[in-house]
Amino acid sequence: MLMNALRLRRRVRRLDRPVSTVVGTGDLLLCGVLLLTATGVLFHEPTTREEESAAFGLAGQVYGYWLVGGLALFSVLGMPRTLLAHLAMMLLSPVVLFLLLVSPSLL
């Protein structure tokens, strides 16, 4: 049983680099969808302040759970490169996406 666990750990560590690329891309897509959902572009546009607050709150909850879940999972699996890619993409992509949405109105 111990040998199986060691083999699994070696295999997971070997896959750290390709998994980090996939995780970073998935995080970027998720943050984009959550931003569009929170602003009402996707699904339906909120008509009242309560619907707007509910959409923003749901997007915030999904974002927070995804961030914490990814940090916990990748630290337990011992995938440092994937952990850093997940953290960087989850913290930087909302800022970049927001600036991309706001920058055309600034010009």
PDB file of N, CA and C in Angstrom:
ATOM      1  N   MET A   1       0.822  -1.186   0.000  1.00  0.00           N
ATOM      2  CA  MET A   1       0.000   0.000   0.000  1.00  0.00           C
ATOM      3  C   MET A   1       0.872   1.258   0.000  1.00  0.00           C
ATOM      4  N   LEU A   2       1.948   1.234   0.767  1.00  0.00           N
ATOM      5  CA  LEU A   2       2.853   2.372   0.798  1.00  0.00           C
ATOM      6  C   LEU A   2       3.527   2.564  -0.556  1.00  0.00           C
ATOM      7  N   MET A   3       3.874   1.474  -1.209  1.00  0.00           N
ATOM      8  CA  MET A   3       4.502   1.567  -2.527  1.00  0.00           C
ATOM      9  C   MET A   3       3.538   2.152  -3.551  1.00  0.00           C
ATOM     10  N   ASN A   4       2.267   1.779  -3.455  1.00  0.00           N
ATOM     11  CA  ASN A   4       1.274   2.343  -4.367  1.00  0.00           C
ATOM     12  C   ASN A   4       1.138   3.844  -4.157  1.00  0.00           C
ATOM     13  N   ALA A   5       1.159   4.272  -2.917  1.00  0.00           N
ATOM     14  CA  ALA A   5       1.057   5.703  -2.623  1.00  0.00           C
ATOM     15  C   ALA A   5       2.278   6.446  -3.150  1.00  0.00           C
ATOM     16  N   LEU A   6       3.455   5.860  -3.012  1.00  0.00           N
ATOM     17  CA  LEU A   6       4.666   6.503  -3.524  1.00  0.00           C
ATOM     18  C   LEU A   6       4.654   6.583  -5.048  1.00  0.00           C
ATOM     19  N   ARG A   7       4.189   5.503  -5.705  1.00  0.00           N
ATOM     20  CA  ARG A   7       4.088   5.528  -7.164  1.00  0.00           C
ATOM     21  C   ARG A   7       3.097   6.582  -7.635  1.00  0.00           C
ATOM     22  N   LEU A   8       1.984   6.678  -6.938  1.00  0.00           N
ATOM     23  CA  LEU A   8       0.981   7.679  -7.293  1.00  0.00           C
ATOM     24  C   LEU A   8       1.540   9.087  -7.111  1.00  0.00           C
ATOM     25  N   ARG A   9       2.256   9.304  -6.045  1.00  0.00           N
ATOM     26  CA  ARG A   9       2.848  10.629  -5.789  1.00  0.00           C
ATOM     27  C   ARG A   9       3.868  10.994  -6.868  1.00  0.00           C
ATOM     28  N   ARG A  10       4.711  10.028  -7.268  1.00  0.00           N
ATOM     29  CA  ARG A  10       5.676  10.285  -8.334  1.00  0.00           C
ATOM     30  C   ARG A  10       4.979  10.602  -9.653  1.00  0.00           C
ATOM     31  N   ARG A  11       3.936   9.876  -9.934  1.00  0.00           N
ATOM     32  CA  ARG A  11       3.191  10.088 -11.173  1.00  0.00           C
ATOM     33  C   ARG A  11       2.533  11.471 -11.190  1.00  0.00           C
ATOM     34  N   VAL A  12       1.957  11.878 -10.063  1.00  0.00           N
ATOM     35  CA  VAL A  12       1.318  13.190  -9.966  1.00  0.00           C
ATOM     36  C   VAL A  12       2.352  14.293 -10.113  1.00  0.00           C
ATOM     37  N   ARG A  13       3.502  14.143  -9.501  1.00  0.00           N
ATOM     38  CA  ARG A  13       4.548  15.172  -9.597  1.00  0.00           C
ATOM     39  C   ARG A  13       5.095  15.274 -11.016  1.00  0.00           C
ATOM     40  N   ARG A  14       5.126  14.152 -11.734  1.00  0.00           N
ATOM     41  CA  ARG A  14       5.582  14.169 -13.121  1.00  0.00           C
ATOM     42  C   ARG A  14       4.598  14.924 -14.017  1.00  0.00           C
ATOM     43  N   LEU A  15       3.328  14.875 -13.676  1.00  0.00           N
ATOM     44  CA  LEU A  15       2.297  15.541 -14.471  1.00  0.00           C
ATOM     45  C   LEU A  15       2.061  16.986 -14.054  1.00  0.00           C
ATOM     46  N   ASP A  16       2.875  17.516 -13.160  1.00  0.00           N
ATOM     47  CA  ASP A  16       2.656  18.865 -12.632  1.00  0.00           C
ATOM     48  C   ASP A  16       2.709  19.925 -13.727  1.00  0.00           C
ATOM     49  N   ARG A  17       3.672  19.838 -14.629  1.00  0.00           N
ATOM     50  CA  ARG A  17       3.826  20.872 -15.661  1.00  0.00           C
ATOM     51  C   ARG A  17       2.651  20.898 -16.643  1.00  0.00           C
ATOM     52  N   PRO A  18       2.245  19.781 -17.259  1.00  0.00           N
ATOM     53  CA  PRO A  18       1.104  19.865 -18.184  1.00  0.00           C
ATOM     54  C   PRO A  18      -0.210  20.215 -17.484  1.00  0.00           C
ATOM     55  N   VAL A  19      -0.364  19.758 -16.265  1.00  0.00           N
ATOM     56  CA  VAL A  19      -1.599  20.058 -15.531  1.00  0.00           C
ATOM     57  C   VAL A  19      -1.668  21.540 -15.199  1.00  0.00           C
ATOM     58  N   SER A  20      -0.534  22.166 -14.923  1.00  0.00           N
ATOM     59  CA  SER A  20      -0.554  23.592 -14.587  1.00  0.00           C
ATOM     60  C   SER A  20      -1.033  24.428 -15.769  1.00  0.00           C
ATOM     61  N   THR A  21      -0.689  24.039 -16.980  1.00  0.00           N
ATOM     62  CA  THR A  21      -1.162  24.754 -18.166  1.00  0.00           C
ATOM     63  C   THR A  21      -2.665  24.623 -18.321  1.00  0.00           C
ATOM     64  N   VAL A  22      -3.169  23.426 -18.139  1.00  0.00           N
ATOM     65  CA  VAL A  22      -4.612  23.191 -18.259  1.00  0.00           C
ATOM     66  C   VAL A  22      -5.369  23.928 -17.159  1.00  0.00           C
ATOM     67  N   VAL A  23      -4.846  23.888 -15.951  1.00  0.00           N
ATOM     68  CA  VAL A  23      -5.501  24.563 -14.828  1.00  0.00           C
ATOM     69  C   VAL A  23      -5.506  26.075 -15.040  1.00  0.00           C
ATOM     70  N   GLY A  24      -4.403  26.637 -15.510  1.00  0.00           N
ATOM     71  CA  GLY A  24      -4.346  28.073 -15.774  1.00  0.00           C
ATOM     72  C   GLY A  24      -5.345  28.499 -16.835  1.00  0.00           C
ATOM     73  N   THR A  25      -5.459  27.725 -17.899  1.00  0.00           N
ATOM     74  CA  THR A  25      -6.428  28.030 -18.951  1.00  0.00           C
ATOM     75  C   THR A  25      -7.851  27.911 -18.435  1.00  0.00           C
ATOM     76  N   GLY A  26      -8.119  26.867 -17.677  1.00  0.00           N
ATOM     77  CA  GLY A  26      -9.458  26.698 -17.104  1.00  0.00           C
ATOM     78  C   GLY A  26      -9.819  27.805 -16.130  1.00  0.00           C
ATOM     79  N   ASP A  27      -8.863  28.232 -15.331  1.00  0.00           N
ATOM     80  CA  ASP A  27      -9.114  29.336 -14.393  1.00  0.00           C
ATOM     81  C   ASP A  27      -9.414  30.636 -15.131  1.00  0.00           C
ATOM     82  N   LEU A  28      -8.689  30.884 -16.209  1.00  0.00           N
ATOM     83  CA  LEU A  28      -8.936  32.091 -16.996  1.00  0.00           C
ATOM     84  C   LEU A  28     -10.344  32.070 -17.589  1.00  0.00           C
ATOM     85  N   LEU A  29     -10.744  30.942 -18.139  1.00  0.00           N
ATOM     86  CA  LEU A  29     -12.096  30.826 -18.698  1.00  0.00           C
ATOM     87  C   LEU A  29     -13.159  30.959 -17.617  1.00  0.00           C
ATOM     88  N   LEU A  30     -12.935  30.335 -16.476  1.00  0.00           N
ATOM     89  CA  LEU A  30     -13.902  30.424 -15.382  1.00  0.00           C
ATOM     90  C   LEU A  30     -14.057  31.859 -14.898  1.00  0.00           C
ATOM     91  N   CYS A  31     -12.950  32.564 -14.742  1.00  0.00           N
ATOM     92  CA  CYS A  31     -13.036  33.956 -14.281  1.00  0.00           C
ATOM     93  C   CYS A  31     -13.761  34.827 -15.295  1.00  0.00           C
ATOM     94  N   GLY A  32     -13.546  34.578 -16.570  1.00  0.00           N
ATOM     95  CA  GLY A  32     -14.265  35.329 -17.593  1.00  0.00           C
ATOM     96  C   GLY A  32     -15.757  35.078 -17.554  1.00  0.00           C
ATOM     97  N   VAL A  33     -16.142  33.824 -17.414  1.00  0.00           N
ATOM     98  CA  VAL A  33     -17.569  33.487 -17.337  1.00  0.00           C
ATOM     99  C   VAL A  33     -18.188  34.067 -16.075  1.00  0.00           C
ATOM    100  N   LEU A  34     -17.482  33.997 -14.960  1.00  0.00           N
ATOM    101  CA  LEU A  34     -18.022  34.553 -13.715  1.00  0.00           C
ATOM    102  C   LEU A  34     -18.168  36.069 -13.785  1.00  0.00           C
ATOM    103  N   LEU A  35     -17.217  36.738 -14.432  1.00  0.00           N
ATOM    104  CA  LEU A  35     -17.326  38.189 -14.586  1.00  0.00           C
ATOM    105  C   LEU A  35     -18.524  38.548 -15.456  1.00  0.00           C
ATOM    106  N   LEU A  36     -18.715  37.820 -16.542  1.00  0.00           N
ATOM    107  CA  LEU A  36     -19.859  38.084 -17.412  1.00  0.00           C
ATOM    108  C   LEU A  36     -21.175  37.729 -16.733  1.00  0.00           C
ATOM    109  N   THR A  37     -21.167  36.713 -15.889  1.00  0.00           N
ATOM    110  CA  THR A  37     -22.373  36.352 -15.145  1.00  0.00           C
ATOM    111  C   THR A  37     -22.690  37.403 -14.092  1.00  0.00           C
ATOM    112  N   ALA A  38     -21.671  37.888 -13.406  1.00  0.00           N
ATOM    113  CA  ALA A  38     -21.890  38.880 -12.350  1.00  0.00           C
ATOM    114  C   ALA A  38     -22.403  40.197 -12.916  1.00  0.00           C
ATOM    115  N   THR A  39     -21.982  40.541 -14.131  1.00  0.00           N
ATOM    116  CA  THR A  39     -22.436  41.795 -14.733  1.00  0.00           C
ATOM    117  C   THR A  39     -23.750  41.644 -15.478  1.00  0.00           C
ATOM    118  N   GLY A  40     -24.224  40.420 -15.641  1.00  0.00           N
ATOM    119  CA  GLY A  40     -25.514  40.207 -16.285  1.00  0.00           C
ATOM    120  C   GLY A  40     -25.447  40.026 -17.782  1.00  0.00           C
ATOM    121  N   VAL A  41     -24.263  39.859 -18.340  1.00  0.00           N
ATOM    122  CA  VAL A  41     -24.136  39.669 -19.782  1.00  0.00           C
ATOM    123  C   VAL A  41     -24.575  38.260 -20.166  1.00  0.00           C
ATOM    124  N   LEU A  42     -24.189  37.268 -19.385  1.00  0.00           N
ATOM    125  CA  LEU A  42     -24.600  35.888 -19.646  1.00  0.00           C
ATOM    126  C   LEU A  42     -25.909  35.574 -18.935  1.00  0.00           C
ATOM    127  N   PHE A  43     -26.608  34.610 -19.457  1.00  0.00           N
ATOM    128  CA  PHE A  43     -27.859  34.084 -18.917  1.00  0.00           C
ATOM    129  C   PHE A  43     -28.958  35.126 -19.007  1.00  0.00           C
ATOM    130  N   HIS A  44     -29.219  35.908 -18.025  1.00  0.00           N
ATOM    131  CA  HIS A  44     -30.251  36.947 -18.140  1.00  0.00           C
ATOM    132  C   HIS A  44     -29.770  38.211 -17.443  1.00  0.00           C
ATOM    133  N   GLU A  45     -30.198  39.335 -17.977  1.00  0.00           N
ATOM    134  CA  GLU A  45     -29.799  40.605 -17.380  1.00  0.00           C
ATOM    135  C   GLU A  45     -30.669  40.888 -16.167  1.00  0.00           C
ATOM    136  N   PRO A  46     -30.066  41.176 -15.026  1.00  0.00           N
ATOM    137  CA  PRO A  46     -30.866  41.470 -13.833  1.00  0.00           C
ATOM    138  C   PRO A  46     -31.652  42.771 -14.025  1.00  0.00           C
ATOM    139  N   THR A  47     -32.926  42.717 -13.663  1.00  0.00           N
ATOM    140  CA  THR A  47     -33.774  43.902 -13.831  1.00  0.00           C
ATOM    141  C   THR A  47     -33.923  44.676 -12.535  1.00  0.00           C
ATOM    142  N   THR A  48     -33.779  44.019 -11.412  1.00  0.00           N
ATOM    143  CA  THR A  48     -33.904  44.708 -10.128  1.00  0.00           C
ATOM    144  C   THR A  48     -32.564  44.674  -9.400  1.00  0.00           C
ATOM    145  N   ARG A  49     -32.470  45.494  -8.399  1.00  0.00           N
ATOM    146  CA  ARG A  49     -31.242  45.549  -7.599  1.00  0.00           C
ATOM    147  C   ARG A  49     -31.016  44.230  -6.863  1.00  0.00           C
ATOM    148  N   GLU A  50     -32.092  43.576  -6.434  1.00  0.00           N
ATOM    149  CA  GLU A  50     -31.958  42.294  -5.726  1.00  0.00           C
ATOM    150  C   GLU A  50     -31.400  41.219  -6.650  1.00  0.00           C
ATOM    151  N   GLU A  51     -31.876  41.178  -7.904  1.00  0.00           N
ATOM    152  CA  GLU A  51     -31.356  40.195  -8.850  1.00  0.00           C
ATOM    153  C   GLU A  51     -29.883  40.466  -9.162  1.00  0.00           C
ATOM    154  N   GLU A  52     -29.539  41.729  -9.263  1.00  0.00           N
ATOM    155  CA  GLU A  52     -28.149  42.095  -9.514  1.00  0.00           C
ATOM    156  C   GLU A  52     -27.254  41.679  -8.348  1.00  0.00           C
ATOM    157  N   SER A  53     -27.716  41.915  -7.143  1.00  0.00           N
ATOM    158  CA  SER A  53     -26.952  41.518  -5.953  1.00  0.00           C
ATOM    159  C   SER A  53     -26.839  40.006  -5.848  1.00  0.00           C
ATOM    160  N   ALA A  54     -27.918  39.292  -6.201  1.00  0.00           N
ATOM    161  CA  ALA A  54     -27.889  37.829  -6.145  1.00  0.00           C
ATOM    162  C   ALA A  54     -26.907  37.264  -7.171  1.00  0.00           C
ATOM    163  N   ALA A  55     -26.893  37.819  -8.388  1.00  0.00           N
ATOM    164  CA  ALA A  55     -25.964  37.346  -9.418  1.00  0.00           C
ATOM    165  C   ALA A  55     -24.521  37.611  -9.003  1.00  0.00           C
ATOM    166  N   PHE A  56     -24.276  38.788  -8.457  1.00  0.00           N
ATOM    167  CA  PHE A  56     -22.927  39.129  -8.017  1.00  0.00           C
ATOM    168  C   PHE A  56     -22.495  38.247  -6.844  1.00  0.00           C
ATOM    169  N   GLY A  57     -23.413  37.988  -5.918  1.00  0.00           N
ATOM    170  CA  GLY A  57     -23.102  37.137  -4.769  1.00  0.00           C
ATOM    171  C   GLY A  57     -22.819  35.702  -5.170  1.00  0.00           C
ATOM    172  N   LEU A  58     -23.607  35.173  -6.112  1.00  0.00           N
ATOM    173  CA  LEU A  58     -23.385  33.805  -6.575  1.00  0.00           C
ATOM    174  C   LEU A  58     -22.039  33.682  -7.286  1.00  0.00           C
ATOM    175  N   ALA A  59     -21.714  34.655  -8.125  1.00  0.00           N
ATOM    176  CA  ALA A  59     -20.419  34.628  -8.811  1.00  0.00           C
ATOM    177  C   ALA A  59     -19.275  34.710  -7.797  1.00  0.00           C
ATOM    178  N   GLY A  60     -19.443  35.515  -6.768  1.00  0.00           N
ATOM    179  CA  GLY A  60     -18.418  35.617  -5.729  1.00  0.00           C
ATOM    180  C   GLY A  60     -18.243  34.327  -4.946  1.00  0.00           C
ATOM    181  N   GLN A  61     -19.353  33.658  -4.661  1.00  0.00           N
ATOM    182  CA  GLN A  61     -19.269  32.379  -3.945  1.00  0.00           C
ATOM    183  C   GLN A  61     -18.564  31.324  -4.783  1.00  0.00           C
ATOM    184  N   VAL A  62     -18.937  31.213  -6.051  1.00  0.00           N
ATOM    185  CA  VAL A  62     -18.296  30.228  -6.926  1.00  0.00           C
ATOM    186  C   VAL A  62     -16.800  30.521  -7.037  1.00  0.00           C
ATOM    187  N   TYR A  63     -16.455  31.797  -7.195  1.00  0.00           N
ATOM    188  CA  TYR A  63     -15.049  32.192  -7.292  1.00  0.00           C
ATOM    189  C   TYR A  63     -14.285  31.806  -6.022  1.00  0.00           C
ATOM    190  N   GLY A  64     -14.843  32.123  -4.867  1.00  0.00           N
ATOM    191  CA  GLY A  64     -14.173  31.818  -3.604  1.00  0.00           C
ATOM    192  C   GLY A  64     -14.004  30.332  -3.364  1.00  0.00           C
ATOM    193  N   TYR A  65     -15.059  29.563  -3.629  1.00  0.00           N
ATOM    194  CA  TYR A  65     -14.968  28.117  -3.436  1.00  0.00           C
ATOM    195  C   TYR A  65     -13.975  27.496  -4.411  1.00  0.00           C
ATOM    196  N   TRP A  66     -13.957  27.975  -5.645  1.00  0.00           N
ATOM    197  CA  TRP A  66     -13.027  27.442  -6.641  1.00  0.00           C
ATOM    198  C   TRP A  66     -11.584  27.761  -6.244  1.00  0.00           C
ATOM    199  N   LEU A  67     -11.348  28.973  -5.757  1.00  0.00           N
ATOM    200  CA  LEU A  67     -10.006  29.377  -5.332  1.00  0.00           C
ATOM    201  C   LEU A  67      -9.526  28.528  -4.162  1.00  0.00           C
ATOM    202  N   VAL A  68     -10.329  28.430  -3.125  1.00  0.00           N
ATOM    203  CA  VAL A  68      -9.932  27.673  -1.929  1.00  0.00           C
ATOM    204  C   VAL A  68      -9.833  26.177  -2.232  1.00  0.00           C
ATOM    205  N   GLY A  69     -10.778  25.659  -3.006  1.00  0.00           N
ATOM    206  CA  GLY A  69     -10.742  24.237  -3.355  1.00  0.00           C
ATOM    207  C   GLY A  69      -9.506  23.878  -4.158  1.00  0.00           C
ATOM    208  N   GLY A  70      -9.151  24.725  -5.116  1.00  0.00           N
ATOM    209  CA  GLY A  70      -7.947  24.473  -5.908  1.00  0.00           C
ATOM    210  C   GLY A  70      -6.682  24.550  -5.072  1.00  0.00           C
ATOM    211  N   LEU A  71      -6.619  25.545  -4.186  1.00  0.00           N
ATOM    212  CA  LEU A  71      -5.442  25.657  -3.318  1.00  0.00           C
ATOM    213  C   LEU A  71      -5.300  24.430  -2.426  1.00  0.00           C
ATOM    214  N   ALA A  72      -6.403  23.970  -1.872  1.00  0.00           N
ATOM    215  CA  ALA A  72      -6.355  22.793  -1.001  1.00  0.00           C
ATOM    216  C   ALA A  72      -5.981  21.539  -1.793  1.00  0.00           C
ATOM    217  N   LEU A  73      -6.605  21.355  -2.954  1.00  0.00           N
ATOM    218  CA  LEU A  73      -6.363  20.150  -3.745  1.00  0.00           C
ATOM    219  C   LEU A  73      -4.920  20.066  -4.221  1.00  0.00           C
ATOM    220  N   PHE A  74      -4.414  21.147  -4.789  1.00  0.00           N
ATOM    221  CA  PHE A  74      -3.066  21.093  -5.356  1.00  0.00           C
ATOM    222  C   PHE A  74      -1.988  21.060  -4.276  1.00  0.00           C
ATOM    223  N   SER A  75      -2.267  21.600  -3.104  1.00  0.00           N
ATOM    224  CA  SER A  75      -1.277  21.482  -2.028  1.00  0.00           C
ATOM    225  C   SER A  75      -1.259  20.064  -1.464  1.00  0.00           C
ATOM    226  N   VAL A  76      -2.419  19.430  -1.366  1.00  0.00           N
ATOM    227  CA  VAL A  76      -2.466  18.041  -0.884  1.00  0.00           C
ATOM    228  C   VAL A  76      -1.807  17.101  -1.886  1.00  0.00           C
ATOM    229  N   LEU A  77      -2.028  17.347  -3.180  1.00  0.00           N
ATOM    230  CA  LEU A  77      -1.431  16.488  -4.197  1.00  0.00           C
ATOM    231  C   LEU A  77       0.065  16.735  -4.376  1.00  0.00           C
ATOM    232  N   GLY A  78       0.578  17.823  -3.815  1.00  0.00           N
ATOM    233  CA  GLY A  78       2.003  18.115  -3.938  1.00  0.00           C
ATOM    234  C   GLY A  78       2.381  18.595  -5.325  1.00  0.00           C
ATOM    235  N   MET A  79       1.571  19.479  -5.896  1.00  0.00           N
ATOM    236  CA  MET A  79       1.821  20.011  -7.238  1.00  0.00           C
ATOM    237  C   MET A  79       2.109  21.512  -7.120  1.00  0.00           C
ATOM    238  N   PRO A  80       3.354  21.888  -6.803  1.00  0.00           N
ATOM    239  CA  PRO A  80       3.643  23.305  -6.546  1.00  0.00           C
ATOM    240  C   PRO A  80       3.474  24.204  -7.771  1.00  0.00           C
ATOM    241  N   ARG A  81       3.856  23.727  -8.943  1.00  0.00           N
ATOM    242  CA  ARG A  81       3.725  24.552 -10.144  1.00  0.00           C
ATOM    243  C   ARG A  81       2.249  24.802 -10.463  1.00  0.00           C
ATOM    244  N   THR A  82       1.429  23.789 -10.319  1.00  0.00           N
ATOM    245  CA  THR A  82      -0.003  23.940 -10.558  1.00  0.00           C
ATOM    246  C   THR A  82      -0.628  24.828  -9.496  1.00  0.00           C
ATOM    247  N   LEU A  83      -0.179  24.703  -8.270  1.00  0.00           N
ATOM    248  CA  LEU A  83      -0.682  25.552  -7.188  1.00  0.00           C
ATOM    249  C   LEU A  83      -0.393  27.023  -7.471  1.00  0.00           C
ATOM    250  N   LEU A  84       0.820  27.331  -7.892  1.00  0.00           N
ATOM    251  CA  LEU A  84       1.172  28.720  -8.198  1.00  0.00           C
ATOM    252  C   LEU A  84       0.438  29.235  -9.435  1.00  0.00           C
ATOM    253  N   ALA A  85       0.275  28.377 -10.440  1.00  0.00           N
ATOM    254  CA  ALA A  85      -0.469  28.790 -11.634  1.00  0.00           C
ATOM    255  C   ALA A  85      -1.922  29.081 -11.281  1.00  0.00           C
ATOM    256  N   HIS A  86      -2.512  28.239 -10.452  1.00  0.00           N
ATOM    257  CA  HIS A  86      -3.904  28.441 -10.027  1.00  0.00           C
ATOM    258  C   HIS A  86      -4.036  29.739  -9.241  1.00  0.00           C
ATOM    259  N   LEU A  87      -3.144  29.962  -8.315  1.00  0.00           N
ATOM    260  CA  LEU A  87      -3.205  31.172  -7.492  1.00  0.00           C
ATOM    261  C   LEU A  87      -3.010  32.426  -8.341  1.00  0.00           C
ATOM    262  N   ALA A  88      -2.031  32.397  -9.228  1.00  0.00           N
ATOM    263  CA  ALA A  88      -1.771  33.568 -10.074  1.00  0.00           C
ATOM    264  C   ALA A  88      -2.938  33.858 -11.005  1.00  0.00           C
ATOM    265  N   MET A  89      -3.469  32.834 -11.639  1.00  0.00           N
ATOM    266  CA  MET A  89      -4.568  33.063 -12.582  1.00  0.00           C
ATOM    267  C   MET A  89      -5.837  33.503 -11.870  1.00  0.00           C
ATOM    268  N   MET A  90      -6.096  32.952 -10.704  1.00  0.00           N
ATOM    269  CA  MET A  90      -7.319  33.331  -9.991  1.00  0.00           C
ATOM    270  C   MET A  90      -7.223  34.738  -9.415  1.00  0.00           C
ATOM    271  N   LEU A  91      -6.033  35.215  -9.106  1.00  0.00           N
ATOM    272  CA  LEU A  91      -5.899  36.559  -8.548  1.00  0.00           C
ATOM    273  C   LEU A  91      -5.679  37.625  -9.620  1.00  0.00           C
ATOM    274  N   LEU A  92      -4.998  37.282 -10.707  1.00  0.00           N
ATOM    275  CA  LEU A  92      -4.686  38.277 -11.724  1.00  0.00           C
ATOM    276  C   LEU A  92      -5.722  38.368 -12.841  1.00  0.00           C
ATOM    277  N   SER A  93      -6.343  37.255 -13.202  1.00  0.00           N
ATOM    278  CA  SER A  93      -7.257  37.300 -14.345  1.00  0.00           C
ATOM    279  C   SER A  93      -8.488  38.173 -14.113  1.00  0.00           C
ATOM    280  N   PRO A  94      -9.090  38.239 -12.924  1.00  0.00           N
ATOM    281  CA  PRO A  94     -10.217  39.171 -12.770  1.00  0.00           C
ATOM    282  C   PRO A  94      -9.805  40.624 -12.980  1.00  0.00           C
ATOM    283  N   VAL A  95      -8.612  40.983 -12.527  1.00  0.00           N
ATOM    284  CA  VAL A  95      -8.133  42.358 -12.701  1.00  0.00           C
ATOM    285  C   VAL A  95      -7.919  42.658 -14.182  1.00  0.00           C
ATOM    286  N   VAL A  96      -7.273  41.739 -14.883  1.00  0.00           N
ATOM    287  CA  VAL A  96      -7.000  41.942 -16.307  1.00  0.00           C
ATOM    288  C   VAL A  96      -8.294  41.979 -17.106  1.00  0.00           C
ATOM    289  N   LEU A  97      -9.220  41.071 -16.822  1.00  0.00           N
ATOM    290  CA  LEU A  97     -10.492  41.060 -17.547  1.00  0.00           C
ATOM    291  C   LEU A  97     -11.292  42.325 -17.284  1.00  0.00           C
ATOM    292  N   PHE A  98     -11.273  42.799 -16.060  1.00  0.00           N
ATOM    293  CA  PHE A  98     -11.978  44.037 -15.740  1.00  0.00           C
ATOM    294  C   PHE A  98     -11.365  45.216 -16.493  1.00  0.00           C
ATOM    295  N   LEU A  99     -10.042  45.277 -16.536  1.00  0.00           N
ATOM    296  CA  LEU A  99      -9.380  46.363 -17.263  1.00  0.00           C
ATOM    297  C   LEU A  99      -9.663  46.292 -18.760  1.00  0.00           C
ATOM    298  N   LEU A 100      -9.769  45.074 -19.303  1.00  0.00           N
ATOM    299  CA  LEU A 100     -10.114  44.939 -20.716  1.00  0.00           C
ATOM    300  C   LEU A 100     -11.532  45.423 -20.999  1.00  0.00           C
ATOM    301  N   LEU A 101     -12.432  45.200 -20.054  1.00  0.00           N
ATOM    302  CA  LEU A 101     -13.805  45.671 -20.245  1.00  0.00           C
ATOM    303  C   LEU A 101     -13.912  47.179 -20.068  1.00  0.00           C
ATOM    304  N   VAL A 102     -13.121  47.744 -19.183  1.00  0.00           N
ATOM    305  CA  VAL A 102     -13.214  49.170 -18.878  1.00  0.00           C
ATOM    306  C   VAL A 102     -12.386  50.014 -19.846  1.00  0.00           C
ATOM    307  N   SER A 103     -11.290  49.481 -20.366  1.00  0.00           N
ATOM    308  CA  SER A 103     -10.378  50.278 -21.188  1.00  0.00           C
ATOM    309  C   SER A 103     -11.017  50.873 -22.445  1.00  0.00           C
ATOM    310  N   PRO A 104     -11.929  50.202 -23.155  1.00  0.00           N
ATOM    311  CA  PRO A 104     -12.537  50.869 -24.313  1.00  0.00           C
ATOM    312  C   PRO A 104     -13.339  52.112 -23.930  1.00  0.00           C
ATOM    313  N   SER A 105     -13.905  52.128 -22.752  1.00  0.00           N
ATOM    314  CA  SER A 105     -14.673  53.302 -22.348  1.00  0.00           C
ATOM    315  C   SER A 105     -13.770  54.449 -21.903  1.00  0.00           C
ATOM    316  N   LEU A 106     -12.512  54.154 -21.602  1.00  0.00           N
ATOM    317  CA  LEU A 106     -11.584  55.200 -21.189  1.00  0.00           C
ATOM    318  C   LEU A 106     -10.969  55.932 -22.377  1.00  0.00           C
ATOM    319  N   LEU A 107     -10.982  55.299 -23.535  1.00  0.00           N
ATOM    320  CA  LEU A 107     -10.353  55.908 -24.720  1.00  0.00           C
ATOM    321  C   LEU A 107     -11.203  56.942 -25.353  1.00  0.00           C
TER     322      LEU A 107
END
